[in-house]
Amino acid sequence: MDIKQHPQYNANDFKYLQAKGWTTQEIIQRWDEENKMGKPPCTWDTTFAQAKLQRTCK
């Protein structure tokens, strides 16, 4: 599966998790679990989230 086709895919979330050291397979597993629980994708839309993303992905 192309990760960009995953229902939970968000470019910023993917970038953040990679910066934290997650492998693509680990990210897919997490997103699969979150999708099964009915959670929406993480969108990183808030000011706080954007600041956290910028700090982590320098």
N, C-alpha and C. Protein backbone atom coordinates (compact mmCIF):
# COMPACT_ATOMS: atom_id res chain seq x y z
N MET A 1 0.84 -1.20 0.00
CA MET A 1 0.00 0.00 0.00
C MET A 1 0.88 1.25 0.00
N ASP A 2 0.55 2.17 -0.86
CA ASP A 2 1.19 3.49 -0.84
C ASP A 2 0.71 4.20 0.42
N ILE A 3 1.63 4.59 1.28
CA ILE A 3 1.25 5.19 2.57
C ILE A 3 0.35 6.40 2.39
N LYS A 4 0.50 7.12 1.29
CA LYS A 4 -0.33 8.30 1.05
C LYS A 4 -1.79 7.93 0.81
N GLN A 5 -2.07 6.66 0.56
CA GLN A 5 -3.44 6.19 0.36
C GLN A 5 -4.08 5.70 1.66
N HIS A 6 -3.31 5.66 2.74
CA HIS A 6 -3.85 5.19 4.03
C HIS A 6 -4.90 6.18 4.51
N PRO A 7 -6.03 5.69 5.04
CA PRO A 7 -7.08 6.61 5.51
C PRO A 7 -6.63 7.57 6.61
N GLN A 8 -5.59 7.22 7.34
CA GLN A 8 -5.10 8.08 8.43
C GLN A 8 -3.96 8.99 7.97
N TYR A 9 -3.57 8.90 6.72
CA TYR A 9 -2.39 9.65 6.26
C TYR A 9 -2.58 11.15 6.39
N ASN A 10 -1.56 11.77 6.93
CA ASN A 10 -1.42 13.22 6.95
C ASN A 10 0.08 13.47 6.84
N ALA A 11 0.49 14.28 5.88
CA ALA A 11 1.92 14.50 5.63
C ALA A 11 2.65 14.99 6.87
N ASN A 12 2.03 15.88 7.62
CA ASN A 12 2.68 16.40 8.83
C ASN A 12 2.79 15.33 9.91
N ASP A 13 1.78 14.50 10.06
CA ASP A 13 1.82 13.43 11.04
C ASP A 13 2.92 12.43 10.68
N PHE A 14 2.99 12.08 9.40
CA PHE A 14 4.02 11.16 8.93
C PHE A 14 5.41 11.74 9.20
N LYS A 15 5.60 13.01 8.87
CA LYS A 15 6.88 13.69 9.09
C LYS A 15 7.25 13.71 10.57
N TYR A 16 6.27 14.00 11.43
CA TYR A 16 6.50 14.06 12.87
C TYR A 16 6.92 12.69 13.41
N LEU A 17 6.17 11.65 13.04
CA LEU A 17 6.48 10.32 13.56
C LEU A 17 7.83 9.83 13.06
N GLN A 18 8.17 10.13 11.82
CA GLN A 18 9.50 9.77 11.31
C GLN A 18 10.59 10.50 12.09
N ALA A 19 10.37 11.77 12.40
CA ALA A 19 11.35 12.55 13.16
C ALA A 19 11.53 11.98 14.57
N LYS A 20 10.49 11.34 15.09
CA LYS A 20 10.56 10.71 16.41
C LYS A 20 11.21 9.33 16.35
N GLY A 21 11.56 8.88 15.13
CA GLY A 21 12.27 7.61 14.99
C GLY A 21 11.42 6.42 14.60
N TRP A 22 10.14 6.66 14.27
CA TRP A 22 9.25 5.57 13.88
C TRP A 22 9.58 5.12 12.46
N THR A 23 9.50 3.82 12.22
CA THR A 23 9.64 3.30 10.86
C THR A 23 8.30 3.43 10.15
N THR A 24 8.33 3.35 8.84
CA THR A 24 7.09 3.41 8.06
C THR A 24 6.15 2.30 8.49
N GLN A 25 6.67 1.10 8.73
CA GLN A 25 5.83 -0.03 9.15
C GLN A 25 5.19 0.24 10.50
N GLU A 26 5.92 0.83 11.43
CA GLU A 26 5.36 1.16 12.74
C GLU A 26 4.26 2.21 12.61
N ILE A 27 4.47 3.17 11.73
CA ILE A 27 3.46 4.21 11.51
C ILE A 27 2.19 3.59 10.94
N ILE A 28 2.33 2.73 9.95
CA ILE A 28 1.17 2.07 9.36
C ILE A 28 0.42 1.26 10.41
N GLN A 29 1.15 0.54 11.25
CA GLN A 29 0.52 -0.26 12.30
C GLN A 29 -0.27 0.64 13.25
N ARG A 30 0.33 1.75 13.66
CA ARG A 30 -0.37 2.69 14.55
C ARG A 30 -1.62 3.24 13.88
N TRP A 31 -1.48 3.68 12.63
CA TRP A 31 -2.62 4.24 11.91
C TRP A 31 -3.71 3.20 11.71
N ASP A 32 -3.33 1.95 11.44
CA ASP A 32 -4.33 0.88 11.31
C ASP A 32 -5.13 0.74 12.60
N GLU A 33 -4.42 0.74 13.73
CA GLU A 33 -5.09 0.62 15.03
C GLU A 33 -6.02 1.81 15.28
N GLU A 34 -5.54 3.02 15.01
CA GLU A 34 -6.36 4.21 15.23
C GLU A 34 -7.57 4.22 14.30
N ASN A 35 -7.39 3.77 13.08
CA ASN A 35 -8.49 3.71 12.12
C ASN A 35 -9.56 2.72 12.60
N LYS A 36 -9.13 1.57 13.12
CA LYS A 36 -10.08 0.57 13.63
C LYS A 36 -10.87 1.10 14.82
N MET A 37 -10.25 2.00 15.59
CA MET A 37 -10.93 2.60 16.75
C MET A 37 -11.83 3.76 16.35
N GLY A 38 -11.81 4.13 15.07
CA GLY A 38 -12.65 5.21 14.58
C GLY A 38 -12.07 6.60 14.80
N LYS A 39 -10.80 6.68 15.13
CA LYS A 39 -10.17 7.99 15.34
C LYS A 39 -9.92 8.65 13.99
N PRO A 40 -10.10 9.96 13.92
CA PRO A 40 -9.79 10.67 12.67
C PRO A 40 -8.27 10.85 12.55
N PRO A 41 -7.79 11.14 11.35
CA PRO A 41 -6.36 11.40 11.19
C PRO A 41 -5.93 12.63 12.00
N CYS A 42 -4.69 12.61 12.45
CA CYS A 42 -4.12 13.76 13.14
C CYS A 42 -3.81 14.82 12.08
N THR A 43 -4.35 16.01 12.24
CA THR A 43 -4.22 17.02 11.19
C THR A 43 -3.20 18.12 11.50
N TRP A 44 -2.76 18.26 12.72
CA TRP A 44 -1.76 19.26 13.08
C TRP A 44 -2.21 20.67 12.71
N ASP A 45 -3.48 20.97 12.91
CA ASP A 45 -4.06 22.25 12.51
C ASP A 45 -3.92 23.37 13.53
N THR A 46 -3.79 23.03 14.80
CA THR A 46 -3.76 24.08 15.82
C THR A 46 -2.39 24.74 15.90
N THR A 47 -2.35 25.92 16.47
CA THR A 47 -1.09 26.64 16.65
C THR A 47 -0.13 25.83 17.51
N PHE A 48 -0.66 25.23 18.59
CA PHE A 48 0.17 24.40 19.47
C PHE A 48 0.77 23.23 18.70
N ALA A 49 -0.05 22.56 17.91
CA ALA A 49 0.43 21.40 17.14
C ALA A 49 1.48 21.81 16.12
N GLN A 50 1.27 22.93 15.46
CA GLN A 50 2.25 23.41 14.47
C GLN A 50 3.58 23.73 15.15
N ALA A 51 3.54 24.33 16.33
CA ALA A 51 4.77 24.65 17.06
C ALA A 51 5.49 23.36 17.47
N LYS A 52 4.75 22.37 17.93
CA LYS A 52 5.33 21.08 18.31
C LYS A 52 5.97 20.42 17.09
N LEU A 53 5.29 20.46 15.98
CA LEU A 53 5.80 19.88 14.73
C LEU A 53 7.11 20.57 14.33
N GLN A 54 7.13 21.88 14.39
CA GLN A 54 8.33 22.63 14.00
C GLN A 54 9.51 22.34 14.93
N ARG A 55 9.23 22.23 16.23
CA ARG A 55 10.30 21.91 17.19
C ARG A 55 10.88 20.52 16.94
N THR A 56 10.02 19.58 16.63
CA THR A 56 10.43 18.19 16.47
C THR A 56 11.11 17.93 15.14
N CYS A 57 10.68 18.61 14.11
CA CYS A 57 11.16 18.33 12.74
C CYS A 57 12.16 19.36 12.25
N LYS A 58 12.96 19.89 13.11
CA LYS A 58 13.94 20.92 12.72
C LYS A 58 14.84 20.43 11.62
